[in-house]
PDB file of N, CA and C in Angstrom:
ATOM      1  N   UNK A   1      -7.463  21.380  15.169  1.00  0.00           N
ATOM      2  CA  UNK A   1      -8.375  20.665  16.040  1.00  0.00           C
ATOM      3  C   UNK A   1      -7.681  19.374  16.491  1.00  0.00           C
ATOM      4  N   UNK A   2      -7.624  19.117  17.761  1.00  0.00           N
ATOM      5  CA  UNK A   2      -6.996  17.867  18.232  1.00  0.00           C
ATOM      6  C   UNK A   2      -7.871  16.654  17.909  1.00  0.00           C
ATOM      7  N   UNK A   3      -7.215  15.496  17.727  1.00  0.00           N
ATOM      8  CA  UNK A   3      -7.944  14.262  17.413  1.00  0.00           C
ATOM      9  C   UNK A   3      -8.975  13.940  18.484  1.00  0.00           C
ATOM     10  N   UNK A   4      -8.670  14.269  19.732  1.00  0.00           N
ATOM     11  CA  UNK A   4      -9.588  13.944  20.823  1.00  0.00           C
ATOM     12  C   UNK A   4     -10.944  14.647  20.664  1.00  0.00           C
ATOM     13  N   UNK A   5     -10.966  15.745  19.927  1.00  0.00           N
ATOM     14  CA  UNK A   5     -12.226  16.479  19.720  1.00  0.00           C
ATOM     15  C   UNK A   5     -13.215  15.696  18.869  1.00  0.00           C
ATOM     16  N   UNK A   6     -12.739  14.723  18.105  1.00  0.00           N
ATOM     17  CA  UNK A   6     -13.637  13.924  17.264  1.00  0.00           C
ATOM     18  C   UNK A   6     -14.462  12.922  18.058  1.00  0.00           C
ATOM     19  N   UNK A   7     -14.072  12.652  19.281  1.00  0.00           N
ATOM     20  CA  UNK A   7     -14.705  11.569  20.029  1.00  0.00           C
ATOM     21  C   UNK A   7     -15.829  12.031  20.945  1.00  0.00           C
ATOM     22  N   UNK A   8     -16.057  13.330  21.064  1.00  0.00           N
ATOM     23  CA  UNK A   8     -17.118  13.754  21.978  1.00  0.00           C
ATOM     24  C   UNK A   8     -18.473  13.786  21.262  1.00  0.00           C
ATOM     25  N   UNK A   9     -19.533  13.827  22.042  1.00  0.00           N
ATOM     26  CA  UNK A   9     -20.895  13.754  21.488  1.00  0.00           C
ATOM     27  C   UNK A   9     -21.235  14.933  20.590  1.00  0.00           C
ATOM     28  N   UNK A  10     -20.746  16.122  20.936  1.00  0.00           N
ATOM     29  CA  UNK A  10     -21.042  17.302  20.134  1.00  0.00           C
ATOM     30  C   UNK A  10     -20.437  17.159  18.732  1.00  0.00           C
ATOM     31  N   UNK A  11     -19.204  16.684  18.644  1.00  0.00           N
ATOM     32  CA  UNK A  11     -18.556  16.488  17.339  1.00  0.00           C
ATOM     33  C   UNK A  11     -19.274  15.433  16.522  1.00  0.00           C
ATOM     34  N   UNK A  12     -19.673  14.347  17.146  1.00  0.00           N
ATOM     35  CA  UNK A  12     -20.409  13.295  16.445  1.00  0.00           C
ATOM     36  C   UNK A  12     -21.719  13.828  15.876  1.00  0.00           C
ATOM     37  N   UNK A  13     -22.407  14.657  16.681  1.00  0.00           N
ATOM     38  CA  UNK A  13     -23.673  15.226  16.228  1.00  0.00           C
ATOM     39  C   UNK A  13     -23.451  16.138  15.027  1.00  0.00           C
ATOM     40  N   UNK A  14     -22.418  16.969  15.085  1.00  0.00           N
ATOM     41  CA  UNK A  14     -22.118  17.875  13.980  1.00  0.00           C
ATOM     42  C   UNK A  14     -21.768  17.092  12.720  1.00  0.00           C
ATOM     43  N   UNK A  15     -20.932  16.056  12.833  1.00  0.00           N
ATOM     44  CA  UNK A  15     -20.570  15.240  11.673  1.00  0.00           C
ATOM     45  C   UNK A  15     -21.784  14.537  11.079  1.00  0.00           C
ATOM     46  N   UNK A  16     -22.675  14.049  11.937  1.00  0.00           N
ATOM     47  CA  UNK A  16     -23.904  13.410  11.446  1.00  0.00           C
ATOM     48  C   UNK A  16     -24.766  14.400  10.684  1.00  0.00           C
ATOM     49  N   UNK A  17     -24.905  15.607  11.221  1.00  0.00           N
ATOM     50  CA  UNK A  17     -25.715  16.631  10.556  1.00  0.00           C
ATOM     51  C   UNK A  17     -25.090  17.049   9.227  1.00  0.00           C
ATOM     52  N   UNK A  18     -23.771  17.215   9.207  1.00  0.00           N
ATOM     53  CA  UNK A  18     -23.084  17.576   7.966  1.00  0.00           C
ATOM     54  C   UNK A  18     -23.264  16.490   6.918  1.00  0.00           C
ATOM     55  N   UNK A  19     -23.172  15.248   7.322  1.00  0.00           N
ATOM     56  CA  UNK A  19     -23.351  14.135   6.396  1.00  0.00           C
ATOM     57  C   UNK A  19     -24.769  14.115   5.830  1.00  0.00           C
ATOM     58  N   UNK A  20     -25.753  14.341   6.689  1.00  0.00           N
ATOM     59  CA  UNK A  20     -27.151  14.342   6.239  1.00  0.00           C
ATOM     60  C   UNK A  20     -27.418  15.494   5.271  1.00  0.00           C
ATOM     61  N   UNK A  21     -26.886  16.669   5.572  1.00  0.00           N
ATOM     62  CA  UNK A  21     -27.073  17.832   4.685  1.00  0.00           C
ATOM     63  C   UNK A  21     -26.411  17.578   3.341  1.00  0.00           C
ATOM     64  N   UNK A  22     -25.194  17.080   3.380  1.00  0.00           N
ATOM     65  CA  UNK A  22     -24.466  16.799   2.137  1.00  0.00           C
ATOM     66  C   UNK A  22     -25.211  15.772   1.293  1.00  0.00           C
ATOM     67  N   UNK A  23     -25.690  14.707   1.919  1.00  0.00           N
ATOM     68  CA  UNK A  23     -26.413  13.666   1.185  1.00  0.00           C
ATOM     69  C   UNK A  23     -27.725  14.183   0.609  1.00  0.00           C
ATOM     70  N   UNK A  24     -28.387  15.094   1.334  1.00  0.00           N
ATOM     71  CA  UNK A  24     -29.679  15.609   0.884  1.00  0.00           C
ATOM     72  C   UNK A  24     -29.569  16.644  -0.226  1.00  0.00           C
ATOM     73  N   UNK A  25     -28.614  17.562  -0.080  1.00  0.00           N
ATOM     74  CA  UNK A  25     -28.539  18.692  -1.001  1.00  0.00           C
ATOM     75  C   UNK A  25     -27.487  18.552  -2.107  1.00  0.00           C
ATOM     76  N   UNK A  26     -26.514  17.677  -1.886  1.00  0.00           N
ATOM     77  CA  UNK A  26     -25.456  17.479  -2.879  1.00  0.00           C
ATOM     78  C   UNK A  26     -25.228  15.984  -3.092  1.00  0.00           C
ATOM     79  N   UNK A  27     -26.253  15.258  -3.518  1.00  0.00           N
ATOM     80  CA  UNK A  27     -26.186  13.789  -3.527  1.00  0.00           C
ATOM     81  C   UNK A  27     -25.178  13.182  -4.500  1.00  0.00           C
ATOM     82  N   UNK A  28     -24.877  13.831  -5.587  1.00  0.00           N
ATOM     83  CA  UNK A  28     -24.001  13.223  -6.583  1.00  0.00           C
ATOM     84  C   UNK A  28     -22.742  14.038  -6.858  1.00  0.00           C
ATOM     85  N   UNK A  29     -22.336  14.857  -5.922  1.00  0.00           N
ATOM     86  CA  UNK A  29     -21.135  15.682  -6.129  1.00  0.00           C
ATOM     87  C   UNK A  29     -19.863  14.842  -6.140  1.00  0.00           C
ATOM     88  N   UNK A  30     -19.832  13.784  -5.382  1.00  0.00           N
ATOM     89  CA  UNK A  30     -18.640  12.946  -5.320  1.00  0.00           C
ATOM     90  C   UNK A  30     -18.967  11.573  -5.882  1.00  0.00           C
ATOM     91  N   UNK A  31     -18.388  11.243  -7.011  1.00  0.00           N
ATOM     92  CA  UNK A  31     -18.585   9.913  -7.565  1.00  0.00           C
ATOM     93  C   UNK A  31     -17.856   8.878  -6.736  1.00  0.00           C
ATOM     94  N   UNK A  32     -16.565   9.127  -6.500  1.00  0.00           N
ATOM     95  CA  UNK A  32     -15.759   8.226  -5.682  1.00  0.00           C
ATOM     96  C   UNK A  32     -14.526   8.967  -5.201  1.00  0.00           C
ATOM     97  N   UNK A  33     -14.116   8.690  -3.976  1.00  0.00           N
ATOM     98  CA  UNK A  33     -12.902   9.247  -3.409  1.00  0.00           C
ATOM     99  C   UNK A  33     -11.934   8.102  -3.155  1.00  0.00           C
ATOM    100  N   UNK A  34     -10.759   8.191  -3.745  1.00  0.00           N
ATOM    101  CA  UNK A  34      -9.728   7.182  -3.543  1.00  0.00           C
ATOM    102  C   UNK A  34      -8.621   7.788  -2.695  1.00  0.00           C
ATOM    103  N   UNK A  35      -8.282   7.135  -1.613  1.00  0.00           N
ATOM    104  CA  UNK A  35      -7.191   7.578  -0.754  1.00  0.00           C
ATOM    105  C   UNK A  35      -6.118   6.506  -0.825  1.00  0.00           C
ATOM    106  N   UNK A  36      -4.932   6.888  -1.299  1.00  0.00           N
ATOM    107  CA  UNK A  36      -3.835   5.941  -1.485  1.00  0.00           C
ATOM    108  C   UNK A  36      -2.768   6.217  -0.435  1.00  0.00           C
ATOM    109  N   UNK A  37      -2.303   5.160   0.214  1.00  0.00           N
ATOM    110  CA  UNK A  37      -1.277   5.242   1.262  1.00  0.00           C
ATOM    111  C   UNK A  37      -1.700   6.175   2.392  1.00  0.00           C
ATOM    112  N   UNK A  38      -2.917   5.996   2.851  1.00  0.00           N
ATOM    113  CA  UNK A  38      -3.428   6.817   3.943  1.00  0.00           C
ATOM    114  C   UNK A  38      -2.785   6.489   5.282  1.00  0.00           C
ATOM    115  N   UNK A  39      -2.245   5.301   5.412  1.00  0.00           N
ATOM    116  CA  UNK A  39      -1.574   4.914   6.650  1.00  0.00           C
ATOM    117  C   UNK A  39      -2.514   4.278   7.654  1.00  0.00           C
ATOM    118  N   UNK A  40      -1.890   3.723   8.667  1.00  0.00           N
ATOM    119  CA  UNK A  40      -2.629   2.988   9.691  1.00  0.00           C
ATOM    120  C   UNK A  40      -3.505   3.928  10.530  1.00  0.00           C
ATOM    121  N   UNK A  41      -3.038   5.156  10.743  1.00  0.00           N
ATOM    122  CA  UNK A  41      -3.816   6.108  11.537  1.00  0.00           C
ATOM    123  C   UNK A  41      -5.111   6.459  10.830  1.00  0.00           C
ATOM    124  N   UNK A  42      -5.025   6.765   9.541  1.00  0.00           N
ATOM    125  CA  UNK A  42      -6.227   7.097   8.783  1.00  0.00           C
ATOM    126  C   UNK A  42      -7.184   5.909   8.736  1.00  0.00           C
ATOM    127  N   UNK A  43      -6.649   4.714   8.587  1.00  0.00           N
ATOM    128  CA  UNK A  43      -7.506   3.521   8.568  1.00  0.00           C
ATOM    129  C   UNK A  43      -8.253   3.363   9.888  1.00  0.00           C
ATOM    130  N   UNK A  44      -7.576   3.641  10.993  1.00  0.00           N
ATOM    131  CA  UNK A  44      -8.221   3.565  12.303  1.00  0.00           C
ATOM    132  C   UNK A  44      -9.303   4.618  12.471  1.00  0.00           C
ATOM    133  N   UNK A  45      -9.010   5.826  12.021  1.00  0.00           N
ATOM    134  CA  UNK A  45      -9.997   6.905  12.095  1.00  0.00           C
ATOM    135  C   UNK A  45     -11.192   6.573  11.213  1.00  0.00           C
ATOM    136  N   UNK A  46     -10.924   6.047  10.024  1.00  0.00           N
ATOM    137  CA  UNK A  46     -11.991   5.687   9.090  1.00  0.00           C
ATOM    138  C   UNK A  46     -12.910   4.625   9.693  1.00  0.00           C
ATOM    139  N   UNK A  47     -12.329   3.687  10.433  1.00  0.00           N
ATOM    140  CA  UNK A  47     -13.137   2.636  11.054  1.00  0.00           C
ATOM    141  C   UNK A  47     -14.201   3.220  11.977  1.00  0.00           C
ATOM    142  N   UNK A  48     -13.899   4.359  12.596  1.00  0.00           N
ATOM    143  CA  UNK A  48     -14.858   5.014  13.483  1.00  0.00           C
ATOM    144  C   UNK A  48     -15.787   5.941  12.710  1.00  0.00           C
ATOM    145  N   UNK A  49     -15.216   6.784  11.866  1.00  0.00           N
ATOM    146  CA  UNK A  49     -15.982   7.830  11.174  1.00  0.00           C
ATOM    147  C   UNK A  49     -16.983   7.264  10.176  1.00  0.00           C
ATOM    148  N   UNK A  50     -16.651   6.153   9.527  1.00  0.00           N
ATOM    149  CA  UNK A  50     -17.557   5.626   8.502  1.00  0.00           C
ATOM    150  C   UNK A  50     -18.924   5.250   9.060  1.00  0.00           C
ATOM    151  N   UNK A  51     -18.995   4.962  10.331  1.00  0.00           N
ATOM    152  CA  UNK A  51     -20.276   4.654  10.966  1.00  0.00           C
ATOM    153  C   UNK A  51     -21.189   5.861  11.064  1.00  0.00           C
ATOM    154  N   UNK A  52     -20.628   7.050  10.945  1.00  0.00           N
ATOM    155  CA  UNK A  52     -21.409   8.282  11.039  1.00  0.00           C
ATOM    156  C   UNK A  52     -21.924   8.745   9.690  1.00  0.00           C
ATOM    157  N   UNK A  53     -21.481   8.132   8.615  1.00  0.00           N
ATOM    158  CA  UNK A  53     -21.860   8.559   7.265  1.00  0.00           C
ATOM    159  C   UNK A  53     -22.979   7.679   6.717  1.00  0.00           C
ATOM    160  N   UNK A  54     -23.744   8.236   5.800  1.00  0.00           N
ATOM    161  CA  UNK A  54     -24.782   7.408   5.183  1.00  0.00           C
ATOM    162  C   UNK A  54     -24.109   6.396   4.253  1.00  0.00           C
ATOM    163  N   UNK A  55     -24.822   5.330   3.947  1.00  0.00           N
ATOM    164  CA  UNK A  55     -24.251   4.205   3.204  1.00  0.00           C
ATOM    165  C   UNK A  55     -23.710   4.606   1.831  1.00  0.00           C
ATOM    166  N   UNK A  56     -24.421   5.447   1.120  1.00  0.00           N
ATOM    167  CA  UNK A  56     -23.993   5.845  -0.222  1.00  0.00           C
ATOM    168  C   UNK A  56     -22.651   6.584  -0.179  1.00  0.00           C
ATOM    169  N   UNK A  57     -22.499   7.499   0.765  1.00  0.00           N
ATOM    170  CA  UNK A  57     -21.248   8.227   0.916  1.00  0.00           C
ATOM    171  C   UNK A  57     -20.140   7.279   1.352  1.00  0.00           C
ATOM    172  N   UNK A  58     -20.433   6.421   2.307  1.00  0.00           N
ATOM    173  CA  UNK A  58     -19.450   5.455   2.819  1.00  0.00           C
ATOM    174  C   UNK A  58     -18.932   4.549   1.701  1.00  0.00           C
ATOM    175  N   UNK A  59     -19.819   4.124   0.815  1.00  0.00           N
ATOM    176  CA  UNK A  59     -19.410   3.238  -0.275  1.00  0.00           C
ATOM    177  C   UNK A  59     -18.606   3.951  -1.353  1.00  0.00           C
ATOM    178  N   UNK A  60     -18.676   5.280  -1.384  1.00  0.00           N
ATOM    179  CA  UNK A  60     -17.952   6.054  -2.398  1.00  0.00           C
ATOM    180  C   UNK A  60     -16.512   6.341  -1.985  1.00  0.00           C
ATOM    181  N   UNK A  61     -16.149   6.022  -0.742  1.00  0.00           N
ATOM    182  CA  UNK A  61     -14.799   6.294  -0.241  1.00  0.00           C
ATOM    183  C   UNK A  61     -14.034   4.991  -0.122  1.00  0.00           C
ATOM    184  N   UNK A  62     -12.859   4.946  -0.765  1.00  0.00           N
ATOM    185  CA  UNK A  62     -12.029   3.750  -0.765  1.00  0.00           C
ATOM    186  C   UNK A  62     -10.632   4.132  -0.272  1.00  0.00           C
ATOM    187  N   UNK A  63     -10.099   3.359   0.667  1.00  0.00           N
ATOM    188  CA  UNK A  63      -8.745   3.602   1.174  1.00  0.00           C
ATOM    189  C   UNK A  63      -7.885   2.403   0.803  1.00  0.00           C
ATOM    190  N   UNK A  64      -6.801   2.676   0.067  1.00  0.00           N
ATOM    191  CA  UNK A  64      -5.827   1.642  -0.295  1.00  0.00           C
ATOM    192  C   UNK A  64      -4.518   1.944   0.407  1.00  0.00           C
ATOM    193  N   UNK A  65      -4.009   0.999   1.184  1.00  0.00           N
ATOM    194  CA  UNK A  65      -2.730   1.198   1.858  1.00  0.00           C
ATOM    195  C   UNK A  65      -1.601   0.457   1.161  1.00  0.00           C
ATOM    196  N   UNK A  66      -1.764  -0.803   0.916  1.00  0.00           N
ATOM    197  CA  UNK A  66      -0.719  -1.546   0.227  1.00  0.00           C
ATOM    198  C   UNK A  66      -1.368  -2.370  -0.886  1.00  0.00           C
ATOM    199  N   UNK A  67      -0.622  -2.665  -1.912  1.00  0.00           N
ATOM    200  CA  UNK A  67      -1.155  -3.424  -3.018  1.00  0.00           C
ATOM    201  C   UNK A  67      -2.081  -2.616  -3.910  1.00  0.00           C
ATOM    202  N   UNK A  68      -2.031  -1.311  -3.774  1.00  0.00           N
ATOM    203  CA  UNK A  68      -2.955  -0.472  -4.554  1.00  0.00           C
ATOM    204  C   UNK A  68      -2.631  -0.437  -6.037  1.00  0.00           C
ATOM    205  N   UNK A  69      -1.391  -0.731  -6.426  1.00  0.00           N
ATOM    206  CA  UNK A  69      -1.027  -0.704  -7.847  1.00  0.00           C
ATOM    207  C   UNK A  69      -1.820  -1.723  -8.641  1.00  0.00           C
ATOM    208  N   UNK A  70      -2.120  -2.863  -8.027  1.00  0.00           N
ATOM    209  CA  UNK A  70      -2.947  -3.872  -8.707  1.00  0.00           C
ATOM    210  C   UNK A  70      -4.343  -3.336  -8.988  1.00  0.00           C
ATOM    211  N   UNK A  71      -4.857  -2.539  -8.054  1.00  0.00           N
ATOM    212  CA  UNK A  71      -6.203  -1.991  -8.197  1.00  0.00           C
ATOM    213  C   UNK A  71      -6.278  -0.883  -9.250  1.00  0.00           C
ATOM    214  N   UNK A  72      -5.203  -0.095  -9.350  1.00  0.00           N
ATOM    215  CA  UNK A  72      -5.200   1.010 -10.306  1.00  0.00           C
ATOM    216  C   UNK A  72      -5.111   0.458 -11.718  1.00  0.00           C
TER     217      UNK A  72
END
């Protein structure tokens, strides 16, 4: 799937629906997701995508690019 497909209204609607279903039916499946050295591209994508997720899911995802050894 090309990156440009993430920016259209249909994709946003699908991601919103998937997030709502996941939050409703599988609320505690993911305690926390740590992404290490995701890079600048992933950080940019995350800046957009996180707005489509519910707060609980958004808070469970952490991206560390540099200085992550101190956090671990």
